[in-house]
Protein backbone atom coordinates (compact mmCIF):
# COMPACT_ATOMS: atom_id res chain seq x y z
CA UNK A 1 59.32 -49.85 100.94
CA UNK A 2 61.74 -52.48 102.27
CA UNK A 3 64.48 -52.23 104.83
CA UNK A 4 67.74 -50.77 103.60
CA UNK A 5 70.53 -53.29 104.05
CA UNK A 6 73.62 -51.54 105.36
CA UNK A 7 77.02 -53.12 105.79
CA UNK A 8 76.48 -53.21 109.57
CA UNK A 9 73.13 -54.98 109.14
CA UNK A 10 74.38 -57.46 106.55
CA UNK A 11 75.52 -60.28 108.92
CA UNK A 12 72.15 -60.21 110.67
CA UNK A 13 70.29 -60.20 107.35
CA UNK A 14 72.33 -63.14 106.06
CA UNK A 15 71.53 -65.13 109.22
CA UNK A 16 67.81 -64.35 108.91
CA UNK A 17 67.74 -65.22 105.21
CA UNK A 18 69.68 -68.46 105.63
CA UNK A 19 67.34 -69.54 108.43
CA UNK A 20 64.32 -68.87 106.20
CA UNK A 21 65.80 -70.66 103.19
CA UNK A 22 66.89 -73.56 105.39
CA UNK A 23 63.26 -74.06 106.48
CA UNK A 24 61.92 -73.80 102.92
CA UNK A 25 64.52 -76.16 101.46
CA UNK A 26 64.09 -78.64 104.31
CA UNK A 27 60.33 -78.65 103.72
CA UNK A 28 60.95 -79.56 100.06
CA UNK A 29 63.31 -82.36 101.07
CA UNK A 30 60.73 -83.78 103.49
CA UNK A 31 57.81 -83.46 101.05
CA UNK A 32 57.32 -87.00 99.81
CA UNK A 33 54.81 -85.79 97.21
CA UNK A 34 57.45 -83.60 95.55
CA UNK A 35 59.16 -84.85 92.40
CA UNK A 36 62.40 -86.74 93.12
CA UNK A 37 64.38 -84.25 91.00
CA UNK A 38 63.03 -81.38 93.11
CA UNK A 39 63.93 -83.19 96.33
CA UNK A 40 67.44 -84.04 95.12
CA UNK A 41 67.94 -80.44 94.00
CA UNK A 42 66.82 -79.26 97.43
CA UNK A 43 69.39 -81.51 99.11
CA UNK A 44 72.09 -80.01 96.91
CA UNK A 45 70.86 -76.47 97.53
CA UNK A 46 70.83 -76.99 101.31
CA UNK A 47 74.42 -78.22 101.19
CA UNK A 48 75.49 -75.16 99.19
CA UNK A 49 73.60 -72.85 101.55
CA UNK A 50 75.34 -74.37 104.57
CA UNK A 51 78.74 -73.97 102.89
CA UNK A 52 78.00 -70.34 102.05
CA UNK A 53 76.91 -69.53 105.59
CA UNK A 54 80.08 -71.11 107.01
CA UNK A 55 82.19 -69.18 104.48
CA UNK A 56 80.48 -65.91 105.39
CA UNK A 57 81.00 -66.64 109.08
CA UNK A 58 77.31 -66.94 109.87
């Protein structure tokens, strides 16, 4: 069973998740063998992730 996310734990969880997704998305952006649409979508997703983290105060 997974960890229960409480309101007190939420900021920490968001920081951990955004760090993980940042690494995954960045890997897609840097993968020259990936389809150009996938890479462009990853660039857009990374931008949205960064905006969300700033909005949430992370």
